[in-house]
Amino acid sequence: GELDPKLLDEYIHKYKVGSFLNTVNRALTIPEWHKIIKTMQDEALKEPNKIPIIYGLDAIHGQTYTLESTLFPHNIAMAASRNLELGRQVTQVTAKELRASGTRWNFAPVLDCGRNPLWSRQVETYGEDPYIGKTMGTAVIKAYEEGGLRNPNAVASCMKHFIGYSNPRSGKDRTPTMMPEIELREYYLPQFREAVKAGSSTIMINSGEINGVPVHASKYLLTDVLRKELGFKGLVVTDWEDIKRLHVRHKVADSPRKAVAMAINAGIDMSMVPTDYSFAVLLKEAVEKGEVSMARIDEAVRRVLALKYKVGLFENAYP
């Protein structure tokens, strides 16, 4: 729970990091969270443009990263209740406790359709039925963002993992999916379509691949389907280290820089890199070499800034 001042200075002032995503390996007290986020914001606001950082966490069944917070049943149990009002109330408690901790962005709800019993993350889903998934999912999204994100009891939601993540052929997490498009559209797309209509502010992408194409590199899914067909206007964020995996695991990019260019050009707006600042360096190189256009950078930056404005960070960056 302790920040390294030298590293923080390097990340913010040298590499211009604007988001801190996920957390340390233990739950923190509210005063500890406040101290950490205040320290980060103090550094960010020393920059000439005074753009605050945004902090995001996975509070998918309660704010599990804050000591003495309220923990709730996972999505599969909430779905079994068939009780949308209960789902709404649980979500409002989670949002309030996230905001009390100083966090304004939650990587939830999980909208993956749980149709493969082999998959290790079934408990995170609302089960196998798209109707329950989309009705419970939209109720939760509206509850997270109720009253607008400047409301001190609301947080930005993040529908995930777009799309087809929950049906890998092996059942192991982050492994390939083989699926006809009609199945993808009938069982896995409706939840996201309804979530976009419900106003979810952000979306996280499937770590795996569908029919041989990693979703983080799929311009068809991230731009043609998500942006043009569903009309999503918000921020697209990667999952944990998934741009790197286009090179080291999926092997569709022949270098780390090409992986960055491929993902950004496909439609990714923000990269979640856990342990280094390689993304910042490689993206700058990709732009300088003409592999990513400034227009694409401006588009992604507008969405990041829009989210920060939407959650009120420019009015008050502090917990």
C-alpha atoms as a PDB file:
ATOM      1  CA  GLY A   1       0.000   0.000   0.000  1.00  0.00           C
ATOM      2  CA  GLU A   2       2.997   2.335  -0.112  1.00  0.00           C
ATOM      3  CA  LEU A   3       3.796   4.420  -3.190  1.00  0.00           C
ATOM      4  CA  ASP A   4       7.387   4.735  -4.411  1.00  0.00           C
ATOM      5  CA  PRO A   5       7.816   8.523  -4.881  1.00  0.00           C
ATOM      6  CA  LYS A   6      10.597   8.082  -7.463  1.00  0.00           C
ATOM      7  CA  LEU A   7       8.526   5.743  -9.618  1.00  0.00           C
ATOM      8  CA  LEU A   8       5.427   7.889  -9.294  1.00  0.00           C
ATOM      9  CA  ASP A   9       7.411  10.939 -10.408  1.00  0.00           C
ATOM     10  CA  GLU A  10       8.754   9.002 -13.397  1.00  0.00           C
ATOM     11  CA  TYR A  11       5.369   7.616 -14.438  1.00  0.00           C
ATOM     12  CA  ILE A  12       3.535  10.933 -14.277  1.00  0.00           C
ATOM     13  CA  HIS A  13       6.166  13.507 -15.244  1.00  0.00           C
ATOM     14  CA  LYS A  14       8.301  11.533 -17.712  1.00  0.00           C
ATOM     15  CA  TYR A  15       5.803   9.099 -19.249  1.00  0.00           C
ATOM     16  CA  LYS A  16       2.603  11.154 -18.686  1.00  0.00           C
ATOM     17  CA  VAL A  17       0.593   8.199 -17.337  1.00  0.00           C
ATOM     18  CA  GLY A  18      -3.003   9.332 -16.851  1.00  0.00           C
ATOM     19  CA  SER A  19      -4.727   6.291 -15.368  1.00  0.00           C
ATOM     20  CA  PHE A  20      -3.980   3.822 -12.580  1.00  0.00           C
ATOM     21  CA  LEU A  21      -5.905   0.593 -12.955  1.00  0.00           C
ATOM     22  CA  ASN A  22      -6.497  -2.210 -10.458  1.00  0.00           C
ATOM     23  CA  THR A  23      -4.598  -2.313  -7.201  1.00  0.00           C
ATOM     24  CA  VAL A  24      -2.115  -3.729  -4.725  1.00  0.00           C
ATOM     25  CA  ASN A  25      -2.386  -7.261  -3.369  1.00  0.00           C
ATOM     26  CA  ARG A  26      -4.303  -6.516  -0.184  1.00  0.00           C
ATOM     27  CA  ALA A  27      -7.374  -4.577   0.867  1.00  0.00           C
ATOM     28  CA  LEU A  28      -6.626  -1.058   2.106  1.00  0.00           C
ATOM     29  CA  THR A  29      -8.343   1.084   4.692  1.00  0.00           C
ATOM     30  CA  ILE A  30     -10.220   4.167   3.493  1.00  0.00           C
ATOM     31  CA  PRO A  31      -7.502   6.510   4.886  1.00  0.00           C
ATOM     32  CA  GLU A  32      -4.850   4.482   3.007  1.00  0.00           C
ATOM     33  CA  TRP A  33      -6.825   4.781  -0.242  1.00  0.00           C
ATOM     34  CA  HIS A  34      -7.268   8.506   0.280  1.00  0.00           C
ATOM     35  CA  LYS A  35      -3.552   9.004   0.904  1.00  0.00           C
ATOM     36  CA  ILE A  36      -2.583   7.053  -2.229  1.00  0.00           C
ATOM     37  CA  ILE A  37      -5.037   8.776  -4.550  1.00  0.00           C
ATOM     38  CA  LYS A  38      -4.290  12.229  -3.107  1.00  0.00           C
ATOM     39  CA  THR A  39      -0.565  11.668  -3.662  1.00  0.00           C
ATOM     40  CA  MET A  40      -1.186  10.612  -7.273  1.00  0.00           C
ATOM     41  CA  GLN A  41      -3.425  13.607  -7.949  1.00  0.00           C
ATOM     42  CA  ASP A  42      -0.963  16.016  -6.323  1.00  0.00           C
ATOM     43  CA  GLU A  43       1.688  14.866  -8.793  1.00  0.00           C
ATOM     44  CA  ALA A  44      -0.641  14.890 -11.808  1.00  0.00           C
ATOM     45  CA  LEU A  45      -1.795  18.433 -11.064  1.00  0.00           C
ATOM     46  CA  LYS A  46       1.822  19.669 -11.065  1.00  0.00           C
ATOM     47  CA  GLU A  47       1.857  19.026 -14.824  1.00  0.00           C
ATOM     48  CA  PRO A  48       1.282  22.178 -16.941  1.00  0.00           C
ATOM     49  CA  ASN A  49      -2.022  20.878 -18.368  1.00  0.00           C
ATOM     50  CA  LYS A  50      -3.298  19.890 -14.899  1.00  0.00           C
ATOM     51  CA  ILE A  51      -5.120  16.764 -16.110  1.00  0.00           C
ATOM     52  CA  PRO A  52      -6.037  14.554 -13.115  1.00  0.00           C
ATOM     53  CA  ILE A  53      -5.471  10.807 -13.130  1.00  0.00           C
ATOM     54  CA  ILE A  54      -8.403   8.401 -13.089  1.00  0.00           C
ATOM     55  CA  TYR A  55      -8.321   5.314 -10.858  1.00  0.00           C
ATOM     56  CA  GLY A  56     -10.219   2.130 -11.798  1.00  0.00           C
ATOM     57  CA  LEU A  57     -10.892  -1.041  -9.769  1.00  0.00           C
ATOM     58  CA  ASP A  58     -12.640  -4.420 -10.123  1.00  0.00           C
ATOM     59  CA  ALA A  59     -15.421  -4.102  -7.554  1.00  0.00           C
ATOM     60  CA  ILE A  60     -17.639  -6.706  -9.207  1.00  0.00           C
ATOM     61  CA  HIS A  61     -19.411  -8.009  -6.094  1.00  0.00           C
ATOM     62  CA  GLY A  62     -18.769  -5.272  -3.595  1.00  0.00           C
ATOM     63  CA  GLN A  63     -15.734  -3.030  -3.046  1.00  0.00           C
ATOM     64  CA  THR A  64     -13.472  -5.972  -2.219  1.00  0.00           C
ATOM     65  CA  TYR A  65     -10.331  -3.798  -2.135  1.00  0.00           C
ATOM     66  CA  THR A  66     -11.389  -1.722   0.879  1.00  0.00           C
ATOM     67  CA  LEU A  67     -11.252  -3.124   4.402  1.00  0.00           C
ATOM     68  CA  GLU A  68     -14.632  -3.348   6.156  1.00  0.00           C
ATOM     69  CA  SER A  69     -16.547  -2.856   2.912  1.00  0.00           C
ATOM     70  CA  THR A  70     -19.701  -4.842   2.143  1.00  0.00           C
ATOM     71  CA  LEU A  71     -19.286  -8.025   0.096  1.00  0.00           C
ATOM     72  CA  PHE A  72     -22.191  -9.397  -1.933  1.00  0.00           C
ATOM     73  CA  PRO A  73     -22.999 -12.599  -3.832  1.00  0.00           C
ATOM     74  CA  HIS A  74     -21.412 -12.924  -7.258  1.00  0.00           C
ATOM     75  CA  ASN A  75     -23.455 -12.260 -10.420  1.00  0.00           C
ATOM     76  CA  ILE A  76     -24.566 -15.870 -10.842  1.00  0.00           C
ATOM     77  CA  ALA A  77     -26.342 -15.726  -7.474  1.00  0.00           C
ATOM     78  CA  MET A  78     -27.824 -12.292  -8.200  1.00  0.00           C
ATOM     79  CA  ALA A  79     -29.192 -13.688 -11.471  1.00  0.00           C
ATOM     80  CA  ALA A  80     -30.711 -16.640  -9.624  1.00  0.00           C
ATOM     81  CA  SER A  81     -32.668 -14.208  -7.453  1.00  0.00           C
ATOM     82  CA  ARG A  82     -34.449 -12.797 -10.565  1.00  0.00           C
ATOM     83  CA  ASN A  83     -34.690  -9.675  -8.417  1.00  0.00           C
ATOM     84  CA  LEU A  84     -33.753  -6.525 -10.338  1.00  0.00           C
ATOM     85  CA  GLU A  85     -34.484  -4.250  -7.369  1.00  0.00           C
ATOM     86  CA  LEU A  86     -32.117  -6.263  -5.167  1.00  0.00           C
ATOM     87  CA  GLY A  87     -29.473  -6.041  -7.915  1.00  0.00           C
ATOM     88  CA  ARG A  88     -29.974  -2.282  -8.046  1.00  0.00           C
ATOM     89  CA  GLN A  89     -29.651  -1.853  -4.267  1.00  0.00           C
ATOM     90  CA  VAL A  90     -26.494  -3.988  -4.079  1.00  0.00           C
ATOM     91  CA  THR A  91     -24.973  -1.931  -6.886  1.00  0.00           C
ATOM     92  CA  GLN A  92     -25.731   1.357  -5.159  1.00  0.00           C
ATOM     93  CA  VAL A  93     -23.964   0.192  -1.987  1.00  0.00           C
ATOM     94  CA  THR A  94     -20.926  -0.876  -4.031  1.00  0.00           C
ATOM     95  CA  ALA A  95     -20.837   2.448  -5.875  1.00  0.00           C
ATOM     96  CA  LYS A  96     -21.116   4.417  -2.630  1.00  0.00           C
ATOM     97  CA  GLU A  97     -18.280   2.429  -1.000  1.00  0.00           C
ATOM     98  CA  LEU A  98     -16.096   2.821  -4.102  1.00  0.00           C
ATOM     99  CA  ARG A  99     -16.592   6.584  -4.022  1.00  0.00           C
ATOM    100  CA  ALA A 100     -15.901   6.614  -0.271  1.00  0.00           C
ATOM    101  CA  SER A 101     -12.577   4.942  -1.069  1.00  0.00           C
ATOM    102  CA  GLY A 102     -11.806   7.616  -3.662  1.00  0.00           C
ATOM    103  CA  THR A 103     -12.422   5.559  -6.809  1.00  0.00           C
ATOM    104  CA  ARG A 104     -14.781   6.729  -9.568  1.00  0.00           C
ATOM    105  CA  TRP A 105     -14.479   3.931 -12.134  1.00  0.00           C
ATOM    106  CA  ASN A 106     -15.579   0.308 -11.637  1.00  0.00           C
ATOM    107  CA  PHE A 107     -14.718  -2.537 -14.013  1.00  0.00           C
ATOM    108  CA  ALA A 108     -18.224  -4.015 -13.764  1.00  0.00           C
ATOM    109  CA  PRO A 109     -20.675  -5.484 -14.621  1.00  0.00           C
ATOM    110  CA  VAL A 110     -19.573  -8.701 -16.300  1.00  0.00           C
ATOM    111  CA  LEU A 111     -21.985  -9.265 -19.204  1.00  0.00           C
ATOM    112  CA  ASP A 112     -20.419 -12.454 -20.558  1.00  0.00           C
ATOM    113  CA  CYS A 113     -23.009 -15.133 -21.287  1.00  0.00           C
ATOM    114  CA  GLY A 114     -22.193 -18.221 -19.196  1.00  0.00           C
ATOM    115  CA  ARG A 115     -22.942 -21.044 -21.626  1.00  0.00           C
ATOM    116  CA  ASN A 116     -19.762 -23.115 -21.308  1.00  0.00           C
ATOM    117  CA  PRO A 117     -19.792 -25.046 -17.996  1.00  0.00           C
ATOM    118  CA  LEU A 118     -16.052 -25.698 -18.359  1.00  0.00           C
ATOM    119  CA  TRP A 119     -15.194 -22.013 -18.086  1.00  0.00           C
ATOM    120  CA  SER A 120     -13.510 -21.124 -14.807  1.00  0.00           C
ATOM    121  CA  ARG A 121     -15.234 -17.748 -14.344  1.00  0.00           C
ATOM    122  CA  GLN A 122     -18.913 -18.751 -14.512  1.00  0.00           C
ATOM    123  CA  VAL A 123     -19.650 -17.150 -11.137  1.00  0.00           C
ATOM    124  CA  GLU A 124     -18.927 -13.715 -12.589  1.00  0.00           C
ATOM    125  CA  THR A 125     -21.683 -14.068 -15.210  1.00  0.00           C
ATOM    126  CA  TYR A 126     -25.466 -13.713 -14.966  1.00  0.00           C
ATOM    127  CA  GLY A 127     -25.741 -17.253 -16.306  1.00  0.00           C
ATOM    128  CA  GLU A 128     -26.594 -18.818 -19.634  1.00  0.00           C
ATOM    129  CA  ASP A 129     -29.681 -16.826 -20.561  1.00  0.00           C
ATOM    130  CA  PRO A 130     -29.228 -13.622 -22.608  1.00  0.00           C
ATOM    131  CA  TYR A 131     -32.540 -12.207 -21.365  1.00  0.00           C
ATOM    132  CA  ILE A 132     -31.515 -12.393 -17.692  1.00  0.00           C
ATOM    133  CA  GLY A 133     -28.059 -11.111 -18.602  1.00  0.00           C
ATOM    134  CA  LYS A 134     -29.323  -8.056 -20.418  1.00  0.00           C
ATOM    135  CA  THR A 135     -32.098  -7.157 -17.968  1.00  0.00           C
ATOM    136  CA  MET A 136     -29.961  -7.592 -14.833  1.00  0.00           C
ATOM    137  CA  GLY A 137     -26.976  -6.009 -16.570  1.00  0.00           C
ATOM    138  CA  THR A 138     -28.834  -2.867 -17.635  1.00  0.00           C
ATOM    139  CA  ALA A 139     -30.415  -2.487 -14.177  1.00  0.00           C
ATOM    140  CA  VAL A 140     -26.943  -2.615 -12.628  1.00  0.00           C
ATOM    141  CA  ILE A 141     -25.439  -0.138 -15.120  1.00  0.00           C
ATOM    142  CA  LYS A 142     -28.205   2.377 -14.473  1.00  0.00           C
ATOM    143  CA  ALA A 143     -27.708   1.956 -10.718  1.00  0.00           C
ATOM    144  CA  TYR A 144     -23.924   2.503 -10.934  1.00  0.00           C
ATOM    145  CA  GLU A 145     -24.382   5.708 -12.928  1.00  0.00           C
ATOM    146  CA  GLU A 146     -27.650   6.903 -11.361  1.00  0.00           C
ATOM    147  CA  GLY A 147     -28.020  10.654 -11.110  1.00  0.00           C
ATOM    148  CA  GLY A 148     -25.012  11.295 -13.342  1.00  0.00           C
ATOM    149  CA  LEU A 149     -21.366  10.672 -12.557  1.00  0.00           C
ATOM    150  CA  ARG A 150     -20.866  13.964 -10.724  1.00  0.00           C
ATOM    151  CA  ASN A 151     -23.189  12.464  -8.116  1.00  0.00           C
ATOM    152  CA  PRO A 152     -20.854  11.485  -5.214  1.00  0.00           C
ATOM    153  CA  ASN A 153     -22.671   8.142  -4.892  1.00  0.00           C
ATOM    154  CA  ALA A 154     -22.159   7.100  -8.542  1.00  0.00           C
ATOM    155  CA  VAL A 155     -19.286   5.508 -10.461  1.00  0.00           C
ATOM    156  CA  ALA A 156     -18.572   4.961 -14.145  1.00  0.00           C
ATOM    157  CA  SER A 157     -19.533   1.417 -15.135  1.00  0.00           C
ATOM    158  CA  CYS A 158     -17.531  -0.814 -17.470  1.00  0.00           C
ATOM    159  CA  MET A 159     -19.374  -3.530 -19.385  1.00  0.00           C
ATOM    160  CA  LYS A 160     -17.105  -6.510 -20.010  1.00  0.00           C
ATOM    161  CA  HIS A 161     -15.644  -8.519 -21.683  1.00  0.00           C
ATOM    162  CA  PHE A 162     -16.610  -7.591 -25.236  1.00  0.00           C
ATOM    163  CA  ILE A 163     -17.258 -10.189 -26.736  1.00  0.00           C
ATOM    164  CA  GLY A 164     -17.510 -14.014 -26.600  1.00  0.00           C
ATOM    165  CA  TYR A 165     -15.004 -14.234 -23.730  1.00  0.00           C
ATOM    166  CA  SER A 166     -16.956 -16.782 -21.727  1.00  0.00           C
ATOM    167  CA  ASN A 167     -17.006 -19.621 -24.253  1.00  0.00           C
ATOM    168  CA  PRO A 168     -13.413 -20.744 -24.865  1.00  0.00           C
ATOM    169  CA  ARG A 169     -13.206 -24.199 -26.417  1.00  0.00           C
ATOM    170  CA  SER A 170     -10.858 -25.518 -23.686  1.00  0.00           C
ATOM    171  CA  GLY A 171     -12.759 -23.880 -20.820  1.00  0.00           C
ATOM    172  CA  LYS A 172      -9.525 -22.281 -19.614  1.00  0.00           C
ATOM    173  CA  ASP A 173      -9.479 -18.527 -19.184  1.00  0.00           C
ATOM    174  CA  ARG A 174      -8.092 -16.404 -22.053  1.00  0.00           C
ATOM    175  CA  THR A 175      -7.988 -19.295 -24.513  1.00  0.00           C
ATOM    176  CA  PRO A 176      -9.416 -19.406 -28.066  1.00  0.00           C
ATOM    177  CA  THR A 177     -13.105 -19.452 -28.927  1.00  0.00           C
ATOM    178  CA  MET A 178     -14.493 -20.979 -32.106  1.00  0.00           C
ATOM    179  CA  MET A 179     -18.005 -19.718 -32.779  1.00  0.00           C
ATOM    180  CA  PRO A 180     -20.270 -19.029 -35.759  1.00  0.00           C
ATOM    181  CA  GLU A 181     -21.241 -15.363 -36.010  1.00  0.00           C
ATOM    182  CA  ILE A 182     -24.946 -16.215 -35.694  1.00  0.00           C
ATOM    183  CA  GLU A 183     -24.242 -17.750 -32.268  1.00  0.00           C
ATOM    184  CA  LEU A 184     -22.131 -14.756 -31.244  1.00  0.00           C
ATOM    185  CA  ARG A 185     -24.948 -12.401 -32.193  1.00  0.00           C
ATOM    186  CA  GLU A 186     -27.774 -14.443 -30.679  1.00  0.00           C
ATOM    187  CA  TYR A 187     -26.267 -15.223 -27.272  1.00  0.00           C
ATOM    188  CA  TYR A 188     -23.342 -12.862 -26.615  1.00  0.00           C
ATOM    189  CA  LEU A 189     -24.188  -9.552 -28.296  1.00  0.00           C
ATOM    190  CA  PRO A 190     -27.662  -8.700 -26.859  1.00  0.00           C
ATOM    191  CA  GLN A 191     -26.312  -7.912 -23.382  1.00  0.00           C
ATOM    192  CA  PHE A 192     -23.841  -5.381 -24.801  1.00  0.00           C
ATOM    193  CA  ARG A 193     -26.395  -3.845 -27.140  1.00  0.00           C
ATOM    194  CA  GLU A 194     -28.712  -3.183 -24.189  1.00  0.00           C
ATOM    195  CA  ALA A 195     -25.831  -1.953 -22.011  1.00  0.00           C
ATOM    196  CA  VAL A 196     -24.875   0.619 -24.648  1.00  0.00           C
ATOM    197  CA  LYS A 197     -28.500   1.806 -24.732  1.00  0.00           C
ATOM    198  CA  ALA A 198     -28.487   1.978 -20.912  1.00  0.00           C
ATOM    199  CA  GLY A 199     -25.580   4.432 -21.080  1.00  0.00           C
ATOM    200  CA  SER A 200     -22.567   2.477 -19.793  1.00  0.00           C
ATOM    201  CA  SER A 201     -19.588   4.844 -19.929  1.00  0.00           C
ATOM    202  CA  THR A 202     -16.823   2.347 -20.716  1.00  0.00           C
ATOM    203  CA  ILE A 203     -16.175  -1.137 -22.058  1.00  0.00           C
ATOM    204  CA  MET A 204     -13.417  -3.733 -21.515  1.00  0.00           C
ATOM    205  CA  ILE A 205     -12.352  -6.156 -24.228  1.00  0.00           C
ATOM    206  CA  ASN A 206     -12.180  -9.960 -24.434  1.00  0.00           C
ATOM    207  CA  SER A 207      -8.628 -11.165 -23.695  1.00  0.00           C
ATOM    208  CA  GLY A 208      -8.950 -14.136 -26.033  1.00  0.00           C
ATOM    209  CA  GLU A 209      -9.529 -14.690 -29.713  1.00  0.00           C
ATOM    210  CA  ILE A 210     -12.555 -15.630 -31.782  1.00  0.00           C
ATOM    211  CA  ASN A 211     -12.098 -17.851 -34.844  1.00  0.00           C
ATOM    212  CA  GLY A 212      -8.369 -17.085 -34.894  1.00  0.00           C
ATOM    213  CA  VAL A 213      -8.617 -13.297 -34.500  1.00  0.00           C
ATOM    214  CA  PRO A 214      -7.658 -11.737 -31.122  1.00  0.00           C
ATOM    215  CA  VAL A 215     -10.475  -9.377 -30.140  1.00  0.00           C
ATOM    216  CA  HIS A 216      -7.977  -6.682 -29.110  1.00  0.00           C
ATOM    217  CA  ALA A 217      -6.871  -6.622 -32.757  1.00  0.00           C
ATOM    218  CA  SER A 218     -10.310  -6.935 -34.392  1.00  0.00           C
ATOM    219  CA  LYS A 219     -11.311  -3.717 -36.151  1.00  0.00           C
ATOM    220  CA  TYR A 220     -14.481  -5.502 -37.248  1.00  0.00           C
ATOM    221  CA  LEU A 221     -15.640  -6.094 -33.642  1.00  0.00           C
ATOM    222  CA  LEU A 222     -14.207  -2.965 -31.996  1.00  0.00           C
ATOM    223  CA  THR A 223     -15.079  -0.427 -34.680  1.00  0.00           C
ATOM    224  CA  ASP A 224     -17.633  -1.863 -37.129  1.00  0.00           C
ATOM    225  CA  VAL A 225     -19.790  -3.694 -34.572  1.00  0.00           C
ATOM    226  CA  LEU A 226     -19.220  -1.785 -31.318  1.00  0.00           C
ATOM    227  CA  ARG A 227     -18.949   1.774 -32.629  1.00  0.00           C
ATOM    228  CA  LYS A 228     -20.914   1.795 -35.873  1.00  0.00           C
ATOM    229  CA  GLU A 229     -23.554  -0.889 -35.304  1.00  0.00           C
ATOM    230  CA  LEU A 230     -24.178  -0.540 -31.551  1.00  0.00           C
ATOM    231  CA  GLY A 231     -23.422   3.180 -31.482  1.00  0.00           C
ATOM    232  CA  PHE A 232     -21.106   3.098 -28.451  1.00  0.00           C
ATOM    233  CA  LYS A 233     -19.567   6.540 -27.790  1.00  0.00           C
ATOM    234  CA  GLY A 234     -17.569   5.848 -24.611  1.00  0.00           C
ATOM    235  CA  LEU A 235     -14.084   4.663 -23.685  1.00  0.00           C
ATOM    236  CA  VAL A 236     -12.610   1.292 -24.749  1.00  0.00           C
ATOM    237  CA  VAL A 237     -10.045  -0.133 -22.298  1.00  0.00           C
ATOM    238  CA  THR A 238      -7.968  -3.300 -22.627  1.00  0.00           C
ATOM    239  CA  ASP A 239      -7.902  -6.059 -20.081  1.00  0.00           C
ATOM    240  CA  TRP A 240      -4.738  -6.906 -18.129  1.00  0.00           C
ATOM    241  CA  GLU A 241      -1.656  -6.671 -20.412  1.00  0.00           C
ATOM    242  CA  ASP A 242      -3.612  -7.774 -23.478  1.00  0.00           C
ATOM    243  CA  ILE A 243      -1.927  -5.558 -26.068  1.00  0.00           C
ATOM    244  CA  LYS A 244       1.397  -7.229 -25.221  1.00  0.00           C
ATOM    245  CA  ARG A 245      -0.223 -10.607 -25.778  1.00  0.00           C
ATOM    246  CA  LEU A 246      -0.883  -9.803 -29.442  1.00  0.00           C
ATOM    247  CA  HIS A 247       2.877 -10.271 -29.849  1.00  0.00           C
ATOM    248  CA  VAL A 248       3.893 -12.796 -27.190  1.00  0.00           C
ATOM    249  CA  ARG A 249       0.852 -15.079 -27.118  1.00  0.00           C
ATOM    250  CA  HIS A 250      -1.427 -14.655 -30.127  1.00  0.00           C
ATOM    251  CA  LYS A 251       1.599 -13.941 -32.356  1.00  0.00           C
ATOM    252  CA  VAL A 252      -0.333 -11.790 -34.817  1.00  0.00           C
ATOM    253  CA  ALA A 253       2.119  -8.894 -34.362  1.00  0.00           C
ATOM    254  CA  ASP A 254       5.810  -9.400 -35.105  1.00  0.00           C
ATOM    255  CA  SER A 255       6.994  -6.888 -32.475  1.00  0.00           C
ATOM    256  CA  PRO A 256       5.678  -5.197 -29.315  1.00  0.00           C
ATOM    257  CA  ARG A 257       5.357  -1.895 -31.201  1.00  0.00           C
ATOM    258  CA  LYS A 258       3.348  -3.496 -33.986  1.00  0.00           C
ATOM    259  CA  ALA A 259       1.066  -4.988 -31.313  1.00  0.00           C
ATOM    260  CA  VAL A 260       0.420  -1.491 -29.936  1.00  0.00           C
ATOM    261  CA  ALA A 261      -0.274  -0.079 -33.407  1.00  0.00           C
ATOM    262  CA  MET A 262      -2.577  -2.982 -34.263  1.00  0.00           C
ATOM    263  CA  ALA A 263      -4.677  -2.596 -31.094  1.00  0.00           C
ATOM    264  CA  ILE A 264      -4.975   1.206 -31.261  1.00  0.00           C
ATOM    265  CA  ASN A 265      -5.893   1.116 -34.952  1.00  0.00           C
ATOM    266  CA  ALA A 266      -8.504  -1.570 -34.234  1.00  0.00           C
ATOM    267  CA  GLY A 267     -10.251   0.736 -31.743  1.00  0.00           C
ATOM    268  CA  ILE A 268      -8.581   0.522 -28.301  1.00  0.00           C
ATOM    269  CA  ASP A 269      -8.495   3.841 -26.411  1.00  0.00           C
ATOM    270  CA  MET A 270      -6.640   2.962 -23.186  1.00  0.00           C
ATOM    271  CA  SER A 271      -4.081   0.281 -22.350  1.00  0.00           C
ATOM    272  CA  MET A 272      -3.914  -1.562 -19.025  1.00  0.00           C
ATOM    273  CA  VAL A 273      -0.202  -2.350 -18.529  1.00  0.00           C
ATOM    274  CA  PRO A 274       0.523  -3.782 -15.080  1.00  0.00           C
ATOM    275  CA  THR A 275       4.251  -3.462 -14.490  1.00  0.00           C
ATOM    276  CA  ASP A 276       5.956  -1.045 -16.893  1.00  0.00           C
ATOM    277  CA  TYR A 277       5.526   2.002 -19.146  1.00  0.00           C
ATOM    278  CA  SER A 278       6.256   0.229 -22.442  1.00  0.00           C
ATOM    279  CA  PHE A 279       2.905   1.248 -23.943  1.00  0.00           C
ATOM    280  CA  ALA A 280       3.688   4.969 -23.692  1.00  0.00           C
ATOM    281  CA  VAL A 281       7.096   4.513 -25.334  1.00  0.00           C
ATOM    282  CA  LEU A 282       5.894   2.187 -28.083  1.00  0.00           C
ATOM    283  CA  LEU A 283       2.827   4.232 -28.981  1.00  0.00           C
ATOM    284  CA  LYS A 284       4.957   7.372 -29.365  1.00  0.00           C
ATOM    285  CA  GLU A 285       7.310   5.432 -31.665  1.00  0.00           C
ATOM    286  CA  ALA A 286       4.365   4.070 -33.669  1.00  0.00           C
ATOM    287  CA  VAL A 287       3.029   7.590 -34.248  1.00  0.00           C
ATOM    288  CA  GLU A 288       6.477   8.888 -35.236  1.00  0.00           C
ATOM    289  CA  LYS A 289       6.826   6.052 -37.764  1.00  0.00           C
ATOM    290  CA  GLY A 290       3.394   6.708 -39.251  1.00  0.00           C
ATOM    291  CA  GLU A 291       1.914   3.417 -38.024  1.00  0.00           C
ATOM    292  CA  VAL A 292      -0.765   5.198 -35.963  1.00  0.00           C
ATOM    293  CA  SER A 293      -2.291   8.499 -37.067  1.00  0.00           C
ATOM    294  CA  MET A 294      -2.588  11.585 -34.883  1.00  0.00           C
ATOM    295  CA  ALA A 295      -6.302  11.569 -35.724  1.00  0.00           C
ATOM    296  CA  ARG A 296      -6.633   8.172 -34.011  1.00  0.00           C
ATOM    297  CA  ILE A 297      -4.669   9.470 -30.993  1.00  0.00           C
ATOM    298  CA  ASP A 298      -6.881  12.566 -30.766  1.00  0.00           C
ATOM    299  CA  GLU A 299     -10.009  10.405 -30.939  1.00  0.00           C
ATOM    300  CA  ALA A 300      -8.841   8.172 -28.081  1.00  0.00           C
ATOM    301  CA  VAL A 301      -7.626  11.120 -25.981  1.00  0.00           C
ATOM    302  CA  ARG A 302     -10.986  12.872 -26.393  1.00  0.00           C
ATOM    303  CA  ARG A 303     -12.703   9.813 -24.938  1.00  0.00           C
ATOM    304  CA  VAL A 304     -10.292   9.614 -21.983  1.00  0.00           C
ATOM    305  CA  LEU A 305     -10.743  13.317 -21.225  1.00  0.00           C
ATOM    306  CA  ALA A 306     -14.511  13.067 -21.674  1.00  0.00           C
ATOM    307  CA  LEU A 307     -14.652  10.306 -19.032  1.00  0.00           C
ATOM    308  CA  LYS A 308     -12.551  12.371 -16.618  1.00  0.00           C
ATOM    309  CA  TYR A 309     -14.868  15.346 -17.124  1.00  0.00           C
ATOM    310  CA  LYS A 310     -17.942  13.125 -16.795  1.00  0.00           C
ATOM    311  CA  VAL A 311     -16.873  11.781 -13.370  1.00  0.00           C
ATOM    312  CA  GLY A 312     -16.093  15.300 -12.138  1.00  0.00           C
ATOM    313  CA  LEU A 313     -12.319  14.983 -11.770  1.00  0.00           C
ATOM    314  CA  PHE A 314     -11.670  18.407 -13.278  1.00  0.00           C
ATOM    315  CA  GLU A 315     -13.977  19.965 -10.687  1.00  0.00           C
ATOM    316  CA  ASN A 316     -12.436  18.039  -7.794  1.00  0.00           C
ATOM    317  CA  ALA A 317      -9.726  15.446  -8.333  1.00  0.00           C
ATOM    318  CA  TYR A 318      -9.645  14.292  -4.706  1.00  0.00           C
ATOM    319  CA  PRO A 319     -11.571  11.692  -2.669  1.00  0.00           C
END
